[in-house]
Structures are given as C-alpha cells and as structure tokens.
C-alpha cells in the first residue's frame, strides 16, 4: 500500500479517502450501530459510534449534532501526534471543546491550530452548546475543505472498536453450524465483519438451538465461552441434550451480539 510522508510527522501516513483524524465525525449521516436516538446519555455511555458521554449529557442528532448539556468525547487511538501541528475546523455551525486537553473554538469560517504535546491516545471532547454538521482534525497549520469518507469505509473504521450483529442479518435469522458437540454442550463460532482492535468483550441475546432435523430445541443457556479479535465462540448448554452433528445455533430475529473493543 502506498504511503506519503508529512512535513508535520516523520512517520509514514497511510493514504486514506479522507484526511480527518477523527472517525464518524460527519454528524449528518453518522454510523449509529447502537440505534441511539436524541436524548440523555449517562457518563461513559456511547451514543453514535466512537462518541461517548463525558459526564451526564444530552444531545440531539438530526442533520447535525447539538450538545444540549454536558459533553461527548472520542478517544483517538495512538495517532502519533506528539509535537505535530494539527488544525481543527467545522462544517456548518460552531463547536467548542478540547483536543489533547487544549481548548478550541471553531466554526465554518474559523479554525483552531494547536501543537499536540502528548504521546499515546488523544481525546477530542465537544462541549455544551456545540452545534455542527461535521468536525475535522487534520495535519498541518491550515484548514482544508471537508471531505466525507465513503459510508462503507466509515462503518469499517467504527467496527474496529464496536460491532453489533443482529438476527436480521441476511434477511431473517443467522445460523451457525455447531463445530463441536459434547453430551451437555453445543459450540458454534460467529465471525466478525471487521477485525477488532483487541480481543473484545461480548454479550449475546436471542439465541436458540436447532437439531439436524431442523427442530427447535428448548432449555439451553448461552454464554460467550471464548473470543479472538475476529470471532467469538458461543456455547449452548443443556444437560444430556441428545443432539448430534448437523445441529446449529441460531441468532433469531431480534437477537443481538454486541462486540466491544472500545478504548
């Protein structure tokens, strides 16, 4: 893959379709896997992808983002910006907040340039009364026109940190064949759309088991028994279940698997 070298960072930077350091910062059509609707967010709870509340907050999402109270933040994963000059700008509207703990006030006609003073993960925080269509943080001392990413690329970037697998995937139910069956357990693997940042924490609901004769079973309990950065193993348990090869675990319509590798 080609790389370019920036005057503001001696590390090679991968060429992307957008020069925005932030993920999911186009608030006109944000990635929203958790199906957040406008309203209250408790401290540390995510609304739209990659943005969580900093303290009790209230936000409105429509064709733009408005922070009615509190603040939201995105933790940018180790962008290697120590000593690098970056410029913050907004598409339509105004925003106040901090990046790397340094204050900014931006609008569609005014940007802020700062020099990052820390290594590791960097937090971008938007504070109350911010109301804007999109936020951009880019390398260098000048703001350039806002360029949105393709929606599919934005979604993939978000899914590195969080993925919600729904039972409606594929037009109804999602079946995974059991790869290993013991007297009391049935094991199946669910593979993620995108490789995760680290081994995730996961939760499941809406699962059931079918025999190889396509008969729905009852009395099973379900746990995530193992995981990696690209899949989880779900174990269904029922004493002396009597099932044989060809059985499946189904994520039924309305079922949810949440996979969380957020920072």
C-alpha atoms as a PDB file:
ATOM      1  CA  UNK A   1       0.000   0.000   0.000  1.00  0.00           C
ATOM      2  CA  UNK A   2       1.421   3.423  -0.887  1.00  0.00           C
ATOM      3  CA  UNK A   3       2.448   5.876   1.798  1.00  0.00           C
ATOM      4  CA  UNK A   4       3.142   9.572   1.961  1.00  0.00           C
ATOM      5  CA  UNK A   5       5.463  11.464   4.257  1.00  0.00           C
ATOM      6  CA  UNK A   6       4.147  14.551   6.026  1.00  0.00           C
ATOM      7  CA  UNK A   7       6.192  17.622   6.919  1.00  0.00           C
ATOM      8  CA  UNK A   8       4.410  17.507  10.268  1.00  0.00           C
ATOM      9  CA  UNK A   9       5.062  13.892  11.167  1.00  0.00           C
ATOM     10  CA  UNK A  10       8.158  11.864  10.342  1.00  0.00           C
ATOM     11  CA  UNK A  11       6.156   8.615  10.430  1.00  0.00           C
ATOM     12  CA  UNK A  12       4.706   7.385   7.106  1.00  0.00           C
ATOM     13  CA  UNK A  13       0.960   8.012   6.864  1.00  0.00           C
ATOM     14  CA  UNK A  14      -1.324   5.605   5.019  1.00  0.00           C
ATOM     15  CA  UNK A  15      -3.227   7.306   2.202  1.00  0.00           C
ATOM     16  CA  UNK A  16      -6.949   7.375   3.031  1.00  0.00           C
ATOM     17  CA  UNK A  17     -10.027   8.748   1.312  1.00  0.00           C
ATOM     18  CA  UNK A  18     -10.274  11.455   3.993  1.00  0.00           C
ATOM     19  CA  UNK A  19      -7.595  13.364   5.891  1.00  0.00           C
ATOM     20  CA  UNK A  20      -9.736  13.568   9.038  1.00  0.00           C
ATOM     21  CA  UNK A  21      -8.025  12.112  12.105  1.00  0.00           C
ATOM     22  CA  UNK A  22     -11.434  11.594  13.707  1.00  0.00           C
ATOM     23  CA  UNK A  23     -13.759   8.677  12.947  1.00  0.00           C
ATOM     24  CA  UNK A  24     -17.506   9.147  12.470  1.00  0.00           C
ATOM     25  CA  UNK A  25     -17.365  12.915  12.773  1.00  0.00           C
ATOM     26  CA  UNK A  26     -19.787  13.636   9.928  1.00  0.00           C
ATOM     27  CA  UNK A  27     -22.901  14.157  12.034  1.00  0.00           C
ATOM     28  CA  UNK A  28     -25.237  14.489   9.058  1.00  0.00           C
ATOM     29  CA  UNK A  29     -25.235  10.723   8.444  1.00  0.00           C
ATOM     30  CA  UNK A  30     -23.304   9.159  11.342  1.00  0.00           C
ATOM     31  CA  UNK A  31     -22.709   5.452  11.874  1.00  0.00           C
ATOM     32  CA  UNK A  32     -25.135   4.529  14.654  1.00  0.00           C
ATOM     33  CA  UNK A  33     -24.967   0.786  15.357  1.00  0.00           C
ATOM     34  CA  UNK A  34     -26.472   1.164  18.835  1.00  0.00           C
ATOM     35  CA  UNK A  35     -29.517   2.901  17.312  1.00  0.00           C
ATOM     36  CA  UNK A  36     -29.135   5.887  19.615  1.00  0.00           C
ATOM     37  CA  UNK A  37     -31.900   8.454  19.405  1.00  0.00           C
ATOM     38  CA  UNK A  38     -31.588  12.016  20.635  1.00  0.00           C
ATOM     39  CA  UNK A  39     -31.665  12.446  24.406  1.00  0.00           C
ATOM     40  CA  UNK A  40     -29.781  11.704  27.583  1.00  0.00           C
ATOM     41  CA  UNK A  41     -26.510   9.794  27.806  1.00  0.00           C
ATOM     42  CA  UNK A  42     -25.038   8.679  31.119  1.00  0.00           C
ATOM     43  CA  UNK A  43     -21.332   9.170  31.746  1.00  0.00           C
ATOM     44  CA  UNK A  44     -19.236   6.803  29.636  1.00  0.00           C
ATOM     45  CA  UNK A  45     -22.166   5.545  27.540  1.00  0.00           C
ATOM     46  CA  UNK A  46     -21.870   5.596  23.756  1.00  0.00           C
ATOM     47  CA  UNK A  47     -24.465   7.196  21.510  1.00  0.00           C
ATOM     48  CA  UNK A  48     -23.403   7.237  17.859  1.00  0.00           C
ATOM     49  CA  UNK A  49     -20.325   5.144  17.137  1.00  0.00           C
ATOM     50  CA  UNK A  50     -16.984   6.275  18.618  1.00  0.00           C
ATOM     51  CA  UNK A  51     -18.564   9.103  20.675  1.00  0.00           C
ATOM     52  CA  UNK A  52     -19.394   8.633  24.362  1.00  0.00           C
ATOM     53  CA  UNK A  53     -20.685  10.927  27.083  1.00  0.00           C
ATOM     54  CA  UNK A  54     -18.197  12.752  29.279  1.00  0.00           C
ATOM     55  CA  UNK A  55     -20.369  13.209  32.361  1.00  0.00           C
ATOM     56  CA  UNK A  56     -24.164  13.162  32.180  1.00  0.00           C
ATOM     57  CA  UNK A  57     -25.037  14.653  28.796  1.00  0.00           C
ATOM     58  CA  UNK A  58     -27.908  15.342  26.445  1.00  0.00           C
ATOM     59  CA  UNK A  59     -27.513  15.520  22.672  1.00  0.00           C
ATOM     60  CA  UNK A  60     -29.676  15.913  19.600  1.00  0.00           C
ATOM     61  CA  UNK A  61     -28.910  14.065  16.378  1.00  0.00           C
ATOM     62  CA  UNK A  62     -30.650  15.020  13.137  1.00  0.00           C
ATOM     63  CA  UNK A  63     -29.000  16.566  10.122  1.00  0.00           C
ATOM     64  CA  UNK A  64     -26.360  17.827  12.557  1.00  0.00           C
ATOM     65  CA  UNK A  65     -25.191  17.297  16.141  1.00  0.00           C
ATOM     66  CA  UNK A  66     -26.206  19.582  19.005  1.00  0.00           C
ATOM     67  CA  UNK A  67     -24.900  19.133  22.540  1.00  0.00           C
ATOM     68  CA  UNK A  68     -27.660  20.435  24.772  1.00  0.00           C
ATOM     69  CA  UNK A  69     -25.773  19.768  28.005  1.00  0.00           C
ATOM     70  CA  UNK A  70     -22.642  18.008  29.179  1.00  0.00           C
ATOM     71  CA  UNK A  71     -20.033  16.825  26.681  1.00  0.00           C
ATOM     72  CA  UNK A  72     -19.137  13.956  24.379  1.00  0.00           C
ATOM     73  CA  UNK A  73     -15.711  12.652  23.504  1.00  0.00           C
ATOM     74  CA  UNK A  74     -13.827  10.428  21.123  1.00  0.00           C
ATOM     75  CA  UNK A  75     -10.579   8.744  22.120  1.00  0.00           C
ATOM     76  CA  UNK A  76      -8.285   8.701  19.088  1.00  0.00           C
ATOM     77  CA  UNK A  77      -6.147   5.580  19.108  1.00  0.00           C
ATOM     78  CA  UNK A  78      -2.423   6.426  19.319  1.00  0.00           C
ATOM     79  CA  UNK A  79      -2.297   8.822  16.352  1.00  0.00           C
ATOM     80  CA  UNK A  80       1.444   9.512  16.885  1.00  0.00           C
ATOM     81  CA  UNK A  81       0.904  13.247  17.060  1.00  0.00           C
ATOM     82  CA  UNK A  82       3.362  14.307  19.766  1.00  0.00           C
ATOM     83  CA  UNK A  83       4.941  17.566  18.588  1.00  0.00           C
ATOM     84  CA  UNK A  84       2.705  17.661  15.493  1.00  0.00           C
ATOM     85  CA  UNK A  85       0.692  20.699  14.445  1.00  0.00           C
ATOM     86  CA  UNK A  86      -2.986  19.958  13.716  1.00  0.00           C
ATOM     87  CA  UNK A  87      -5.890  22.145  12.643  1.00  0.00           C
ATOM     88  CA  UNK A  88      -9.465  21.763  13.855  1.00  0.00           C
ATOM     89  CA  UNK A  89     -12.401  23.002  11.786  1.00  0.00           C
ATOM     90  CA  UNK A  90     -16.164  22.603  11.470  1.00  0.00           C
ATOM     91  CA  UNK A  91     -18.543  22.115   8.584  1.00  0.00           C
ATOM     92  CA  UNK A  92     -21.508  24.422   9.246  1.00  0.00           C
ATOM     93  CA  UNK A  93     -22.266  25.619  12.760  1.00  0.00           C
ATOM     94  CA  UNK A  94     -19.919  26.119  15.707  1.00  0.00           C
ATOM     95  CA  UNK A  95     -18.146  23.921  18.210  1.00  0.00           C
ATOM     96  CA  UNK A  96     -16.162  24.329  21.416  1.00  0.00           C
ATOM     97  CA  UNK A  97     -14.107  21.707  23.142  1.00  0.00           C
ATOM     98  CA  UNK A  98     -10.624  20.350  23.690  1.00  0.00           C
ATOM     99  CA  UNK A  99      -8.148  18.183  21.812  1.00  0.00           C
ATOM    100  CA  UNK A 100      -5.164  16.871  23.746  1.00  0.00           C
ATOM    101  CA  UNK A 101      -6.524  18.989  26.624  1.00  0.00           C
ATOM    102  CA  UNK A 102      -6.110  22.182  24.591  1.00  0.00           C
ATOM    103  CA  UNK A 103      -9.162  24.383  24.043  1.00  0.00           C
ATOM    104  CA  UNK A 104     -10.595  25.136  20.627  1.00  0.00           C
ATOM    105  CA  UNK A 105     -13.466  27.173  19.237  1.00  0.00           C
ATOM    106  CA  UNK A 106     -14.295  26.582  15.582  1.00  0.00           C
ATOM    107  CA  UNK A 107     -16.964  27.366  13.027  1.00  0.00           C
ATOM    108  CA  UNK A 108     -17.480  27.158   9.290  1.00  0.00           C
ATOM    109  CA  UNK A 109     -15.337  30.311   8.960  1.00  0.00           C
ATOM    110  CA  UNK A 110     -12.830  29.972  11.838  1.00  0.00           C
ATOM    111  CA  UNK A 111     -10.420  27.152  12.671  1.00  0.00           C
ATOM    112  CA  UNK A 112      -8.003  26.487  15.532  1.00  0.00           C
ATOM    113  CA  UNK A 113      -4.423  25.206  15.167  1.00  0.00           C
ATOM    114  CA  UNK A 114      -2.613  23.527  18.070  1.00  0.00           C
ATOM    115  CA  UNK A 115       0.593  21.578  18.605  1.00  0.00           C
ATOM    116  CA  UNK A 116      -0.052  18.246  20.273  1.00  0.00           C
ATOM    117  CA  UNK A 117       2.026  17.710  23.388  1.00  0.00           C
ATOM    118  CA  UNK A 118       1.342  14.080  24.291  1.00  0.00           C
ATOM    119  CA  UNK A 119       2.018  10.553  23.098  1.00  0.00           C
ATOM    120  CA  UNK A 120      -0.441   7.662  23.044  1.00  0.00           C
ATOM    121  CA  UNK A 121      -4.196   8.004  22.778  1.00  0.00           C
ATOM    122  CA  UNK A 122      -5.554  11.546  22.407  1.00  0.00           C
ATOM    123  CA  UNK A 123      -9.049  12.651  23.461  1.00  0.00           C
ATOM    124  CA  UNK A 124     -11.242  15.006  21.462  1.00  0.00           C
ATOM    125  CA  UNK A 125     -14.069  16.496  23.545  1.00  0.00           C
ATOM    126  CA  UNK A 126     -17.027  18.535  22.332  1.00  0.00           C
ATOM    127  CA  UNK A 127     -18.761  20.629  24.980  1.00  0.00           C
ATOM    128  CA  UNK A 128     -22.237  22.060  25.569  1.00  0.00           C
ATOM    129  CA  UNK A 129     -23.739  24.453  23.015  1.00  0.00           C
ATOM    130  CA  UNK A 130     -21.730  22.936  20.159  1.00  0.00           C
ATOM    131  CA  UNK A 131     -23.954  22.540  17.112  1.00  0.00           C
ATOM    132  CA  UNK A 132     -22.365  21.467  13.840  1.00  0.00           C
ATOM    133  CA  UNK A 133     -22.660  19.256  10.789  1.00  0.00           C
ATOM    134  CA  UNK A 134     -19.149  17.783  10.946  1.00  0.00           C
ATOM    135  CA  UNK A 135     -15.832  18.157  12.774  1.00  0.00           C
ATOM    136  CA  UNK A 136     -12.405  17.739  11.219  1.00  0.00           C
ATOM    137  CA  UNK A 137      -8.913  17.445  12.694  1.00  0.00           C
ATOM    138  CA  UNK A 138      -6.091  17.289  10.153  1.00  0.00           C
ATOM    139  CA  UNK A 139      -2.327  17.533   9.917  1.00  0.00           C
ATOM    140  CA  UNK A 140      -0.783  20.959   9.378  1.00  0.00           C
ATOM    141  CA  UNK A 141      -1.475  24.647  10.096  1.00  0.00           C
ATOM    142  CA  UNK A 142      -4.325  25.165   7.621  1.00  0.00           C
ATOM    143  CA  UNK A 143      -7.932  24.045   7.371  1.00  0.00           C
ATOM    144  CA  UNK A 144      -8.857  22.392   4.082  1.00  0.00           C
ATOM    145  CA  UNK A 145     -12.333  21.701   2.664  1.00  0.00           C
ATOM    146  CA  UNK A 146     -14.279  18.967   4.407  1.00  0.00           C
ATOM    147  CA  UNK A 147     -14.219  15.661   2.551  1.00  0.00           C
ATOM    148  CA  UNK A 148     -16.521  12.920   3.872  1.00  0.00           C
ATOM    149  CA  UNK A 149     -15.447   9.302   3.767  1.00  0.00           C
ATOM    150  CA  UNK A 150     -17.497   6.736   1.866  1.00  0.00           C
ATOM    151  CA  UNK A 151     -20.108   5.387   4.261  1.00  0.00           C
ATOM    152  CA  UNK A 152     -18.841   1.805   3.959  1.00  0.00           C
ATOM    153  CA  UNK A 153     -15.303   2.860   4.905  1.00  0.00           C
ATOM    154  CA  UNK A 154     -16.563   4.872   7.881  1.00  0.00           C
ATOM    155  CA  UNK A 155     -18.533   1.861   9.094  1.00  0.00           C
ATOM    156  CA  UNK A 156     -15.499  -0.417   8.830  1.00  0.00           C
ATOM    157  CA  UNK A 157     -13.426   2.044  10.882  1.00  0.00           C
ATOM    158  CA  UNK A 158     -16.142   2.133  13.550  1.00  0.00           C
ATOM    159  CA  UNK A 159     -16.392  -1.661  13.617  1.00  0.00           C
ATOM    160  CA  UNK A 160     -12.759  -1.967  14.634  1.00  0.00           C
ATOM    161  CA  UNK A 161     -13.999  -0.784  18.045  1.00  0.00           C
ATOM    162  CA  UNK A 162     -17.607  -1.970  18.230  1.00  0.00           C
ATOM    163  CA  UNK A 163     -19.853  -4.249  16.205  1.00  0.00           C
ATOM    164  CA  UNK A 164     -23.494  -5.131  16.716  1.00  0.00           C
ATOM    165  CA  UNK A 165     -24.522  -8.354  14.996  1.00  0.00           C
ATOM    166  CA  UNK A 166     -28.274  -8.539  14.512  1.00  0.00           C
ATOM    167  CA  UNK A 167     -30.530 -11.520  13.916  1.00  0.00           C
ATOM    168  CA  UNK A 168     -31.902  -9.722  10.885  1.00  0.00           C
ATOM    169  CA  UNK A 169     -28.559 -10.108   9.085  1.00  0.00           C
ATOM    170  CA  UNK A 170     -29.182 -11.858   5.767  1.00  0.00           C
ATOM    171  CA  UNK A 171     -32.908 -11.167   5.792  1.00  0.00           C
ATOM    172  CA  UNK A 172     -34.140 -13.018   8.864  1.00  0.00           C
ATOM    173  CA  UNK A 173     -32.093 -15.359  11.036  1.00  0.00           C
ATOM    174  CA  UNK A 174     -28.402 -16.169  11.250  1.00  0.00           C
ATOM    175  CA  UNK A 175     -27.480 -19.848  11.606  1.00  0.00           C
ATOM    176  CA  UNK A 176     -24.028 -21.102  12.573  1.00  0.00           C
ATOM    177  CA  UNK A 177     -23.291 -24.795  12.371  1.00  0.00           C
ATOM    178  CA  UNK A 178     -22.030 -26.458  15.531  1.00  0.00           C
ATOM    179  CA  UNK A 179     -18.373 -27.366  15.072  1.00  0.00           C
ATOM    180  CA  UNK A 180     -18.123 -29.359  18.305  1.00  0.00           C
ATOM    181  CA  UNK A 181     -20.807 -31.158  20.330  1.00  0.00           C
ATOM    182  CA  UNK A 182     -20.433 -32.857  23.707  1.00  0.00           C
ATOM    183  CA  UNK A 183     -23.020 -34.533  25.924  1.00  0.00           C
ATOM    184  CA  UNK A 184     -24.029 -31.231  27.529  1.00  0.00           C
ATOM    185  CA  UNK A 185     -22.728 -28.514  25.181  1.00  0.00           C
ATOM    186  CA  UNK A 186     -23.086 -27.268  21.624  1.00  0.00           C
ATOM    187  CA  UNK A 187     -20.376 -24.894  20.336  1.00  0.00           C
ATOM    188  CA  UNK A 188     -20.565 -22.557  17.325  1.00  0.00           C
ATOM    189  CA  UNK A 189     -18.426 -19.697  16.020  1.00  0.00           C
ATOM    190  CA  UNK A 190     -19.716 -16.283  14.945  1.00  0.00           C
ATOM    191  CA  UNK A 191     -17.218 -14.347  12.817  1.00  0.00           C
ATOM    192  CA  UNK A 192     -16.966 -10.546  12.908  1.00  0.00           C
ATOM    193  CA  UNK A 193     -17.293  -8.305   9.882  1.00  0.00           C
ATOM    194  CA  UNK A 194     -14.085  -6.449  10.823  1.00  0.00           C
ATOM    195  CA  UNK A 195     -11.044  -7.487  12.867  1.00  0.00           C
ATOM    196  CA  UNK A 196     -11.196  -5.796  16.266  1.00  0.00           C
ATOM    197  CA  UNK A 197      -8.630  -3.538  17.928  1.00  0.00           C
ATOM    198  CA  UNK A 198      -8.097  -6.091  20.724  1.00  0.00           C
ATOM    199  CA  UNK A 199      -9.847  -9.224  21.928  1.00  0.00           C
ATOM    200  CA  UNK A 200     -13.324  -7.861  22.721  1.00  0.00           C
ATOM    201  CA  UNK A 201     -15.842  -8.251  25.478  1.00  0.00           C
ATOM    202  CA  UNK A 202     -19.104  -9.637  24.105  1.00  0.00           C
ATOM    203  CA  UNK A 203     -22.714 -10.215  25.112  1.00  0.00           C
ATOM    204  CA  UNK A 204     -25.431 -12.276  23.430  1.00  0.00           C
ATOM    205  CA  UNK A 205     -29.221 -12.441  23.468  1.00  0.00           C
ATOM    206  CA  UNK A 206     -31.903 -14.029  21.293  1.00  0.00           C
ATOM    207  CA  UNK A 207     -30.117 -17.326  20.620  1.00  0.00           C
ATOM    208  CA  UNK A 208     -31.613 -20.790  20.251  1.00  0.00           C
ATOM    209  CA  UNK A 209     -30.574 -24.257  19.057  1.00  0.00           C
ATOM    210  CA  UNK A 210     -31.874 -26.395  16.209  1.00  0.00           C
ATOM    211  CA  UNK A 211     -31.247 -30.098  15.717  1.00  0.00           C
ATOM    212  CA  UNK A 212     -30.015 -31.556  12.445  1.00  0.00           C
ATOM    213  CA  UNK A 213     -33.677 -32.374  11.750  1.00  0.00           C
ATOM    214  CA  UNK A 214     -34.408 -28.611  11.904  1.00  0.00           C
ATOM    215  CA  UNK A 215     -36.355 -28.945  15.134  1.00  0.00           C
ATOM    216  CA  UNK A 216     -36.085 -26.018  17.556  1.00  0.00           C
ATOM    217  CA  UNK A 217     -34.770 -27.053  20.967  1.00  0.00           C
ATOM    218  CA  UNK A 218     -35.603 -25.661  24.412  1.00  0.00           C
ATOM    219  CA  UNK A 219     -33.886 -25.465  27.780  1.00  0.00           C
ATOM    220  CA  UNK A 220     -30.460 -24.235  26.630  1.00  0.00           C
ATOM    221  CA  UNK A 221     -28.435 -21.470  28.271  1.00  0.00           C
ATOM    222  CA  UNK A 222     -25.895 -19.478  26.260  1.00  0.00           C
ATOM    223  CA  UNK A 223     -22.517 -17.892  27.024  1.00  0.00           C
ATOM    224  CA  UNK A 224     -19.604 -16.450  25.063  1.00  0.00           C
ATOM    225  CA  UNK A 225     -17.028 -19.070  26.005  1.00  0.00           C
ATOM    226  CA  UNK A 226     -14.055 -17.740  24.043  1.00  0.00           C
ATOM    227  CA  UNK A 227     -13.130 -14.940  21.656  1.00  0.00           C
ATOM    228  CA  UNK A 228     -10.377 -13.592  19.453  1.00  0.00           C
ATOM    229  CA  UNK A 229     -10.040 -10.360  17.512  1.00  0.00           C
ATOM    230  CA  UNK A 230     -12.106 -11.787  14.632  1.00  0.00           C
ATOM    231  CA  UNK A 231     -14.659 -14.200  16.149  1.00  0.00           C
ATOM    232  CA  UNK A 232     -16.431 -15.435  19.253  1.00  0.00           C
ATOM    233  CA  UNK A 233     -17.323 -18.951  20.327  1.00  0.00           C
ATOM    234  CA  UNK A 234     -20.841 -19.314  21.702  1.00  0.00           C
ATOM    235  CA  UNK A 235     -21.557 -22.322  23.909  1.00  0.00           C
ATOM    236  CA  UNK A 236     -25.117 -23.582  24.422  1.00  0.00           C
ATOM    237  CA  UNK A 237     -25.520 -25.795  27.498  1.00  0.00           C
ATOM    238  CA  UNK A 238     -28.219 -28.315  28.408  1.00  0.00           C
ATOM    239  CA  UNK A 239     -27.640 -31.478  30.409  1.00  0.00           C
ATOM    240  CA  UNK A 240     -27.877 -34.596  28.214  1.00  0.00           C
ATOM    241  CA  UNK A 241     -29.293 -32.674  25.256  1.00  0.00           C
ATOM    242  CA  UNK A 242     -29.042 -35.663  22.910  1.00  0.00           C
ATOM    243  CA  UNK A 243     -28.100 -33.668  19.809  1.00  0.00           C
ATOM    244  CA  UNK A 244     -25.759 -34.906  17.097  1.00  0.00           C
ATOM    245  CA  UNK A 245     -23.688 -33.491  14.231  1.00  0.00           C
ATOM    246  CA  UNK A 246     -25.531 -31.068  11.983  1.00  0.00           C
ATOM    247  CA  UNK A 247     -27.087 -29.076  14.810  1.00  0.00           C
ATOM    248  CA  UNK A 248     -26.906 -25.279  14.672  1.00  0.00           C
ATOM    249  CA  UNK A 249     -27.059 -22.255  16.944  1.00  0.00           C
ATOM    250  CA  UNK A 250     -29.377 -19.568  15.594  1.00  0.00           C
ATOM    251  CA  UNK A 251     -29.290 -15.832  16.215  1.00  0.00           C
ATOM    252  CA  UNK A 252     -33.007 -15.259  15.808  1.00  0.00           C
ATOM    253  CA  UNK A 253     -34.805 -12.178  14.539  1.00  0.00           C
ATOM    254  CA  UNK A 254     -34.449  -9.567  17.278  1.00  0.00           C
ATOM    255  CA  UNK A 255     -31.355 -11.277  18.692  1.00  0.00           C
ATOM    256  CA  UNK A 256     -28.211  -9.239  19.356  1.00  0.00           C
ATOM    257  CA  UNK A 257     -24.497  -9.962  19.707  1.00  0.00           C
ATOM    258  CA  UNK A 258     -22.548  -6.925  20.926  1.00  0.00           C
ATOM    259  CA  UNK A 259     -18.784  -6.981  20.410  1.00  0.00           C
ATOM    260  CA  UNK A 260     -16.892  -4.240  22.253  1.00  0.00           C
ATOM    261  CA  UNK A 261     -13.236  -3.250  21.806  1.00  0.00           C
ATOM    262  CA  UNK A 262     -13.691   0.448  22.584  1.00  0.00           C
ATOM    263  CA  UNK A 263     -10.854   2.435  24.126  1.00  0.00           C
END
